[in-house]
Amino acid sequence: MPLLSARRRLYWSLQVVGWGLYGLLGVALYSIFGRFAWFIVQLELVVVVVLILLSHGLRFWVRRRGWLRLSVLALLPRLLVAHVLVAGLSQGLIIGLVAALVRAPAGSQPAPLMYLGYALQVFFVMWLWSTIYFGLHYLDDYRRADIDKWKLAAAVREAEMRTLKAQINPHFLFNGLNNIRALVLENPARARAMMTHLSDLLRYSLQLNSREQVPLARELEIVTHYLALESLQLEERLHYTLDAAPAVLDVLLPPMTLQLLVENAIKHGIAPRPGGGVVQITAQPDGPAQVLITVRNPGRYRPNPAAPDHTGVGLPNAHERLQLLFGPRASLRIGDDAHQADTVTAELRLPLAPASSNHYAEPAARRAEPAEAARPGE
C-alpha cells in the first residue's frame, strides 16, 4: 500500500508539473509573439485543467482495456485513434469552458481554422505524453522482471543447497549405521559407545544443517567427533594429525565438507589396508586472501565411477555447493600427491573470511584416541 501511494503521488506530480509547464510555455509564447494579458493566463489554465483530465481519462481507458500488455505494433493504431479523439474533444471542452468561465476581450476570439491548429498541437503533445507514460511503465516492468529474476535465482540456489545438503547427511548416516551394524554382534559395548558418538555427531550436524556456511573451527569439531567414532572400529589402524593455524579458524565453508573429505580418506585410504595408516589434516593461509585445507591419506587415486566405492554423491555435491556459495574463489581437487609417494591429497581452497570470536582448542597434532570405555551398567 505505501508503494502504491508513492506511485500515485509520482503520477499526479508528473501530471501537474508536466501540463503546468505546457501552460507556462503557452503564456510565454503569447507574450513573446503578441502581448501579455491576464486573459491568456486564464485561457492556459483552462487548457491545463482540460488536458490533465483528458490524459487521466486516457490512462484510465488504457489500463481498463489492457493496452499496457499489448505489443508496440498493436498499440500504435489504438493510440492514434485515441489521440485524435482527445485532440478533438479538448477543443470542444476548452471552447465551452472559456465561454462559460473566462471573460474574453472583444475581438479576441480565434478564427475557426486556428482551432484545427490547436487540435494538431494537442495531438502531438499527447503523443509525447503517451511516450513518457508507456516508457516509464515499460521501464518499471523491466526492473520488476529483473528483480523477479534475481529472486527466482536466489530461490533456485536455496533449493539446490537444501537438496545437496539433504543428500550428504543420509550418506554420512548410512556409513555410521553400517559401522555400528558390524560391531553389534562382535562387541555390543563398543556398539553402544559408537551409537553415543553417532547420536552426538548427528545432533551437531542437524544444528549446522540450518546454515549454508559454518566456521572452520566448528567443522573441525565435527571431524574430531568423526575420527573418535572411526577409531572405535579401526583402533590402532587409524592415526591422524591435525594442524590448523589459528588465523584460519574463522574461514567459512559448507557444513560437512571437511568431514566428507576425512571420511573418504579413511574409507579409501585406511580401511582397506591391514596395517592402516595416517590421515593428515592441515589448514593454513595460502596467500593474502585464501585458505588451503589439505587431507592426506595413504594410497593411490584411481577414480572409477563404475566401481561400488565411487557411486556416492558426496564429492560431486561438495563441488556443487562450493560453486554455489563461492564461485571461482573456491575449489576442491583430489589426486596423487606430487611430493609424497603412495599418498592421495585432497586440497580445498576457500576465500579467507573476516576474523570473529570463534576459537578451537585442539592440539596441533595428536594420535587417534583409544576406544571409549563402556559406561557403567553397559
Protein backbone atom coordinates (compact mmCIF):
# COMPACT_ATOMS: atom_id res chain seq x y z
CA MET A 1 0.00 0.00 0.00
CA PRO A 2 2.77 2.57 0.74
CA LEU A 3 4.37 1.69 -2.61
CA LEU A 4 1.04 2.19 -4.38
CA SER A 5 0.59 5.58 -2.69
CA ALA A 6 4.10 6.61 -3.70
CA ARG A 7 3.43 5.64 -7.32
CA ARG A 8 0.14 7.55 -7.28
CA ARG A 9 1.84 10.63 -5.86
CA LEU A 10 4.53 10.40 -8.53
CA TYR A 11 1.94 10.10 -11.27
CA TRP A 12 -0.05 13.15 -10.16
CA SER A 13 3.12 15.15 -9.57
CA LEU A 14 4.23 14.46 -13.13
CA GLN A 15 0.75 15.29 -14.42
CA VAL A 16 0.52 18.64 -12.67
CA VAL A 17 4.14 19.67 -13.30
CA GLY A 18 4.19 18.50 -16.93
CA TRP A 19 0.94 20.10 -18.02
CA GLY A 20 1.70 23.16 -15.90
CA LEU A 21 4.92 23.68 -17.82
CA TYR A 22 2.96 23.25 -21.04
CA GLY A 23 0.61 26.05 -19.94
CA LEU A 24 3.52 28.30 -18.95
CA LEU A 25 5.04 27.72 -22.36
CA GLY A 26 1.80 28.88 -23.96
CA VAL A 27 1.79 32.06 -21.85
CA ALA A 28 5.43 32.70 -22.75
CA LEU A 29 4.80 32.28 -26.48
CA TYR A 30 1.80 34.63 -26.37
CA SER A 31 3.93 37.18 -24.51
CA ILE A 32 6.83 36.90 -26.96
CA PHE A 33 4.89 36.99 -30.21
CA GLY A 34 1.97 39.09 -29.03
CA ARG A 35 1.19 40.91 -25.83
CA PHE A 36 0.86 39.58 -22.30
CA ALA A 37 -2.66 39.70 -20.86
CA TRP A 38 -4.33 38.03 -17.86
CA PHE A 39 -6.88 36.63 -20.24
CA ILE A 40 -4.11 34.45 -21.69
CA VAL A 41 -3.20 33.16 -18.22
CA GLN A 42 -6.84 32.20 -17.58
CA LEU A 43 -7.10 30.59 -21.00
CA GLU A 44 -3.94 28.49 -20.44
CA LEU A 45 -5.20 27.49 -17.00
CA VAL A 46 -8.34 26.12 -18.63
CA VAL A 47 -6.19 24.32 -21.20
CA VAL A 48 -4.04 22.75 -18.44
CA VAL A 49 -7.07 21.53 -16.48
CA VAL A 50 -8.72 20.08 -19.59
CA LEU A 51 -5.54 18.25 -20.67
CA ILE A 52 -4.95 16.87 -17.17
CA LEU A 53 -8.48 15.47 -17.14
CA LEU A 54 -8.33 14.09 -20.68
CA SER A 55 -4.87 12.49 -20.25
CA HIS A 56 -6.02 10.95 -16.99
CA GLY A 57 -9.11 9.66 -18.77
CA LEU A 58 -6.87 8.14 -21.46
CA ARG A 59 -4.78 6.49 -18.76
CA PHE A 60 -7.95 5.02 -17.21
CA TRP A 61 -9.00 3.66 -20.62
CA VAL A 62 -5.54 2.26 -21.31
CA ARG A 63 -5.47 0.37 -18.02
CA ARG A 64 -9.06 -0.80 -18.29
CA ARG A 65 -8.62 -2.17 -21.81
CA GLY A 66 -5.24 -3.80 -21.07
CA TRP A 67 -3.25 -1.76 -23.57
CA LEU A 68 -0.19 -1.95 -21.34
CA ARG A 69 0.16 -5.62 -22.23
CA LEU A 70 -0.02 -5.03 -25.99
CA SER A 71 2.91 -5.14 -28.37
CA VAL A 72 4.09 -1.91 -29.94
CA LEU A 73 2.57 -2.78 -33.32
CA ALA A 74 -0.80 -3.49 -31.74
CA LEU A 75 -0.63 -0.41 -29.50
CA LEU A 76 0.22 2.29 -32.06
CA PRO A 77 -3.06 2.18 -34.08
CA ARG A 78 -5.10 2.35 -30.89
CA LEU A 79 -3.12 5.33 -29.63
CA LEU A 80 -3.53 7.06 -32.98
CA VAL A 81 -7.32 6.88 -32.72
CA ALA A 82 -7.26 7.82 -29.03
CA HIS A 83 -5.09 10.89 -29.65
CA VAL A 84 -7.36 12.11 -32.46
CA LEU A 85 -10.36 11.81 -30.17
CA VAL A 86 -8.56 13.55 -27.28
CA ALA A 87 -7.41 16.39 -29.57
CA GLY A 88 -10.93 16.98 -30.90
CA LEU A 89 -12.60 16.65 -27.51
CA SER A 90 -10.09 19.01 -25.92
CA GLN A 91 -11.03 21.85 -28.28
CA GLY A 92 -14.72 21.40 -27.60
CA LEU A 93 -14.18 21.44 -23.82
CA ILE A 94 -11.79 24.40 -23.96
CA ILE A 95 -14.22 26.44 -26.08
CA GLY A 96 -17.10 25.66 -23.76
CA LEU A 97 -15.21 26.34 -20.51
CA VAL A 98 -13.61 29.54 -21.81
CA ALA A 99 -17.01 30.82 -22.92
CA ALA A 100 -18.50 29.98 -19.51
CA LEU A 101 -15.69 30.98 -17.14
CA VAL A 102 -13.37 33.42 -18.87
CA ARG A 103 -14.31 36.95 -19.85
CA ALA A 104 -12.51 37.34 -23.13
CA PRO A 105 -11.75 40.81 -24.53
CA ALA A 106 -13.72 41.86 -27.57
CA GLY A 107 -12.20 40.63 -30.79
CA SER A 108 -10.00 38.06 -29.10
CA GLN A 109 -11.85 35.04 -30.39
CA PRO A 110 -9.60 32.97 -32.68
CA ALA A 111 -10.60 32.14 -36.21
CA PRO A 112 -12.21 28.69 -36.69
CA LEU A 113 -9.18 27.48 -38.64
CA MET A 114 -6.96 28.17 -35.61
CA TYR A 115 -8.85 25.55 -33.60
CA LEU A 116 -7.59 22.97 -36.07
CA GLY A 117 -4.04 24.14 -35.35
CA TYR A 118 -4.69 23.91 -31.60
CA ALA A 119 -6.08 20.39 -32.07
CA LEU A 120 -2.99 19.33 -34.02
CA GLN A 121 -0.83 20.77 -31.26
CA VAL A 122 -2.70 18.75 -28.64
CA PHE A 123 -2.45 15.67 -30.88
CA PHE A 124 1.35 15.84 -30.98
CA VAL A 125 1.63 16.72 -27.29
CA MET A 126 -0.46 13.65 -26.43
CA TRP A 127 1.99 11.52 -28.38
CA LEU A 128 4.73 12.91 -26.16
CA TRP A 129 2.61 12.20 -23.07
CA SER A 130 1.99 8.61 -24.21
CA THR A 131 5.67 8.08 -24.97
CA ILE A 132 6.62 9.16 -21.46
CA TYR A 133 3.79 7.23 -19.80
CA PHE A 134 4.36 3.94 -21.62
CA GLY A 135 8.13 4.36 -21.45
CA LEU A 136 8.06 4.70 -17.67
CA HIS A 137 5.70 1.75 -17.44
CA TYR A 138 7.91 -0.47 -19.61
CA LEU A 139 10.98 0.60 -17.64
CA ASP A 140 9.23 -0.26 -14.38
CA ASP A 141 8.19 -3.65 -15.78
CA TYR A 142 11.76 -4.32 -16.88
CA ARG A 143 13.12 -3.51 -13.44
CA ARG A 144 10.43 -5.60 -11.78
CA ALA A 145 11.19 -8.52 -14.11
CA ASP A 146 14.89 -8.17 -13.30
CA ILE A 147 14.15 -8.24 -9.57
CA ASP A 148 11.88 -11.26 -10.03
CA LYS A 149 14.64 -12.97 -11.99
CA TRP A 150 17.11 -12.49 -9.15
CA LYS A 151 14.52 -13.63 -6.60
CA LEU A 152 13.91 -16.74 -8.66
CA ALA A 153 17.65 -17.37 -8.97
CA ALA A 154 18.02 -17.00 -5.19
CA ALA A 155 15.13 -19.40 -4.61
CA VAL A 156 16.62 -21.94 -7.01
CA ARG A 157 20.01 -21.57 -5.33
CA GLU A 158 18.49 -22.13 -1.90
CA ALA A 159 16.58 -25.17 -3.15
CA GLU A 160 19.77 -26.58 -4.67
CA MET A 161 21.66 -26.01 -1.43
CA ARG A 162 18.99 -27.80 0.60
CA THR A 163 18.89 -30.69 -1.86
CA LEU A 164 22.66 -31.10 -1.82
CA LYS A 165 22.84 -31.00 1.97
CA ALA A 166 19.93 -33.42 2.23
CA GLN A 167 21.88 -35.87 0.05
CA ILE A 168 25.10 -35.59 2.06
CA ASN A 169 23.57 -36.19 5.50
CA PRO A 170 22.00 -39.59 4.61
CA HIS A 171 25.32 -40.56 3.00
CA PHE A 172 27.08 -39.98 6.32
CA LEU A 173 24.28 -41.56 8.36
CA PHE A 174 24.30 -44.80 6.36
CA ASN A 175 28.07 -45.16 6.78
CA GLY A 176 27.76 -44.69 10.53
CA LEU A 177 24.93 -47.22 10.82
CA ASN A 178 26.88 -49.76 8.78
CA ASN A 179 29.81 -49.41 11.18
CA ILE A 180 27.50 -49.95 14.15
CA ARG A 181 25.92 -52.98 12.50
CA ALA A 182 29.38 -54.53 12.08
CA LEU A 183 30.04 -54.18 15.82
CA VAL A 184 26.66 -55.20 17.26
CA LEU A 185 27.46 -58.90 17.46
CA GLU A 186 31.22 -58.60 17.82
CA ASN A 187 31.33 -56.07 20.65
CA PRO A 188 27.97 -54.76 21.95
CA ALA A 189 29.65 -52.38 24.41
CA ARG A 190 31.59 -50.70 21.64
CA ALA A 191 28.47 -50.63 19.52
CA ARG A 192 26.63 -48.73 22.28
CA ALA A 193 29.57 -46.34 22.65
CA MET A 194 29.64 -45.86 18.89
CA MET A 195 25.91 -45.13 18.91
CA THR A 196 26.52 -42.43 21.51
CA HIS A 197 29.17 -40.85 19.31
CA LEU A 198 26.91 -41.10 16.30
CA SER A 199 23.94 -39.51 18.07
CA ASP A 200 26.10 -36.62 19.26
CA LEU A 201 27.53 -36.19 15.79
CA LEU A 202 24.11 -36.30 14.10
CA ARG A 203 22.66 -33.83 16.58
CA TYR A 204 25.53 -31.48 15.82
CA SER A 205 25.22 -31.91 12.05
CA LEU A 206 21.49 -31.22 12.19
CA GLN A 207 22.15 -27.97 14.01
CA LEU A 208 24.68 -26.98 11.35
CA ASN A 209 22.36 -28.02 8.52
CA SER A 210 20.22 -24.92 9.08
CA ARG A 211 23.12 -22.77 7.82
CA GLU A 212 24.73 -22.58 4.41
CA GLN A 213 28.17 -21.83 5.86
CA VAL A 214 29.93 -22.57 9.14
CA PRO A 215 33.31 -21.53 10.56
CA LEU A 216 36.18 -23.95 10.07
CA ALA A 217 36.51 -24.23 13.87
CA ARG A 218 33.06 -25.78 14.11
CA GLU A 219 33.73 -28.09 11.16
CA LEU A 220 36.87 -29.30 12.93
CA GLU A 221 34.76 -30.22 15.93
CA ILE A 222 32.70 -32.48 13.67
CA VAL A 223 35.87 -34.01 12.26
CA THR A 224 37.27 -34.84 15.70
CA HIS A 225 33.93 -36.42 16.67
CA TYR A 226 34.02 -38.45 13.48
CA LEU A 227 37.64 -39.56 13.98
CA ALA A 228 36.87 -40.67 17.52
CA LEU A 229 33.91 -42.58 16.14
CA GLU A 230 36.03 -44.30 13.49
CA SER A 231 38.79 -45.11 15.96
CA LEU A 232 36.33 -47.28 17.88
CA GLN A 233 36.20 -49.59 14.90
CA LEU A 234 39.69 -49.26 13.39
CA GLU A 235 41.56 -48.97 16.72
CA GLU A 236 45.35 -48.93 16.20
CA ARG A 237 44.98 -48.98 12.44
CA LEU A 238 43.87 -45.35 12.43
CA HIS A 239 46.19 -42.48 13.30
CA TYR A 240 45.79 -38.86 12.40
CA THR A 241 47.41 -35.47 12.75
CA LEU A 242 45.59 -32.17 12.76
CA ASP A 243 47.35 -28.85 12.21
CA ALA A 244 45.11 -25.79 11.90
CA ALA A 245 46.54 -22.28 12.08
CA PRO A 246 44.57 -20.02 14.45
CA ALA A 247 44.34 -17.37 11.72
CA VAL A 248 42.14 -19.59 9.53
CA LEU A 249 39.70 -20.96 12.10
CA ASP A 250 37.07 -18.39 11.14
CA VAL A 251 37.05 -19.13 7.41
CA LEU A 252 33.58 -20.16 6.21
CA LEU A 253 32.78 -23.37 4.34
CA PRO A 254 29.69 -25.50 3.65
CA PRO A 255 28.75 -27.77 6.58
CA MET A 256 30.14 -31.33 6.50
CA THR A 257 32.58 -30.60 3.64
CA LEU A 258 35.79 -31.29 5.56
CA GLN A 259 34.15 -34.22 7.34
CA LEU A 260 33.34 -35.72 3.94
CA LEU A 261 36.99 -35.47 2.83
CA VAL A 262 38.17 -37.13 6.04
CA GLU A 263 35.52 -39.82 5.64
CA ASN A 264 36.74 -40.59 2.11
CA ALA A 265 40.36 -40.65 3.29
CA ILE A 266 39.51 -43.27 5.91
CA LYS A 267 37.19 -45.26 3.67
CA HIS A 268 39.55 -45.50 0.68
CA GLY A 269 42.99 -44.97 2.25
CA ILE A 270 42.91 -46.50 5.76
CA ALA A 271 40.14 -49.11 5.96
CA PRO A 272 41.33 -51.31 3.03
CA ARG A 273 44.88 -51.57 4.44
CA PRO A 274 45.57 -54.26 7.04
CA GLY A 275 48.16 -52.01 8.66
CA GLY A 276 46.03 -48.87 8.48
CA GLY A 277 47.79 -45.57 8.15
CA VAL A 278 47.81 -41.87 8.99
CA VAL A 279 45.36 -39.21 7.92
CA GLN A 280 46.98 -35.77 7.88
CA ILE A 281 44.70 -32.72 8.12
CA THR A 282 46.15 -29.23 7.74
CA ALA A 283 44.59 -25.79 7.36
CA GLN A 284 46.92 -22.90 6.60
CA PRO A 285 46.76 -19.47 4.92
CA ASP A 286 47.51 -19.60 1.20
CA GLY A 287 48.34 -16.06 0.18
CA PRO A 288 46.58 -12.94 1.47
CA ALA A 289 43.03 -13.94 0.52
CA GLN A 290 42.79 -17.74 0.57
CA VAL A 291 42.98 -20.70 2.89
CA LEU A 292 44.32 -24.10 1.86
CA ILE A 293 42.90 -27.14 3.66
CA THR A 294 44.52 -30.48 2.83
CA VAL A 295 43.61 -34.03 3.78
CA ARG A 296 46.28 -36.65 3.02
CA ASN A 297 45.94 -40.42 3.27
CA PRO A 298 47.97 -43.39 2.03
CA GLY A 299 47.06 -44.91 -1.31
CA ARG A 300 46.80 -44.02 -4.99
CA TYR A 301 44.00 -42.07 -6.56
CA ARG A 302 42.23 -44.22 -9.12
CA PRO A 303 38.68 -42.94 -9.54
CA ASN A 304 36.37 -45.41 -11.21
CA PRO A 305 32.75 -44.29 -11.49
CA ALA A 306 31.67 -47.86 -12.26
CA ALA A 307 33.13 -49.22 -9.02
CA PRO A 308 30.86 -49.66 -5.98
CA ASP A 309 33.07 -47.43 -3.86
CA HIS A 310 32.61 -44.49 -6.22
CA THR A 311 28.84 -44.37 -6.69
CA GLY A 312 28.20 -41.90 -3.89
CA VAL A 313 27.06 -38.33 -4.38
CA GLY A 314 29.14 -36.74 -1.62
CA LEU A 315 32.09 -35.34 -3.58
CA PRO A 316 30.08 -34.07 -6.58
CA ASN A 317 27.74 -32.36 -4.17
CA ALA A 318 30.65 -30.81 -2.30
CA HIS A 319 31.91 -29.38 -5.61
CA GLU A 320 28.45 -28.07 -6.41
CA ARG A 321 27.95 -26.44 -3.02
CA LEU A 322 31.31 -24.70 -3.23
CA GLN A 323 30.43 -23.31 -6.66
CA LEU A 324 27.01 -22.14 -5.49
CA LEU A 325 28.45 -20.34 -2.47
CA PHE A 326 31.81 -19.01 -3.67
CA GLY A 327 32.03 -19.45 -7.44
CA PRO A 328 35.60 -19.49 -8.80
CA ARG A 329 37.02 -18.30 -5.47
CA ALA A 330 36.79 -21.84 -4.08
CA SER A 331 37.98 -25.17 -5.46
CA LEU A 332 38.27 -28.82 -4.49
CA ARG A 333 40.90 -31.10 -6.05
CA ILE A 334 41.70 -34.71 -5.25
CA GLY A 335 44.65 -36.58 -6.72
CA ASP A 336 48.01 -38.24 -6.11
CA ASP A 337 50.36 -36.14 -4.03
CA ALA A 338 53.15 -34.61 -6.12
CA HIS A 339 55.68 -34.68 -3.27
CA GLN A 340 54.88 -37.87 -1.35
CA ALA A 341 54.79 -41.31 -2.90
CA ASP A 342 51.79 -43.56 -2.31
CA THR A 343 49.76 -40.61 -0.97
CA VAL A 344 46.45 -39.12 -2.02
CA THR A 345 45.81 -35.45 -1.27
CA ALA A 346 42.51 -33.57 -1.21
CA GLU A 347 43.02 -29.81 -1.48
CA LEU A 348 40.19 -27.48 -0.52
CA ARG A 349 40.77 -23.80 -1.27
CA LEU A 350 38.45 -21.23 0.28
CA PRO A 351 38.26 -17.42 0.37
CA LEU A 352 39.53 -16.06 3.65
CA ALA A 353 36.66 -14.95 5.93
CA PRO A 354 36.78 -11.95 8.31
CA ALA A 355 38.02 -12.72 11.78
CA SER A 356 35.46 -13.28 14.52
CA SER A 357 35.37 -14.64 18.04
CA ASN A 358 35.34 -18.36 17.19
CA HIS A 359 38.07 -20.47 18.77
CA TYR A 360 39.10 -24.09 18.51
CA ALA A 361 41.26 -25.57 21.24
CA GLU A 362 42.51 -28.79 19.66
CA PRO A 363 46.12 -29.97 19.84
CA ALA A 364 48.07 -29.30 16.67
CA ALA A 365 49.00 -32.95 16.27
CA ARG A 366 47.54 -35.96 18.00
CA ARG A 367 47.10 -39.71 17.68
CA ALA A 368 43.66 -41.22 17.40
CA GLU A 369 42.19 -41.75 20.84
CA PRO A 370 41.65 -45.30 22.02
CA ALA A 371 38.17 -46.77 22.02
CA GLU A 372 35.89 -45.16 24.59
CA ALA A 373 35.40 -47.19 27.71
CA ALA A 374 31.96 -48.60 28.30
CA ARG A 375 29.76 -46.60 30.64
CA PRO A 376 28.73 -48.05 33.97
CA GLY A 377 25.98 -50.56 33.51
CA GLU A 378 26.72 -51.18 29.83
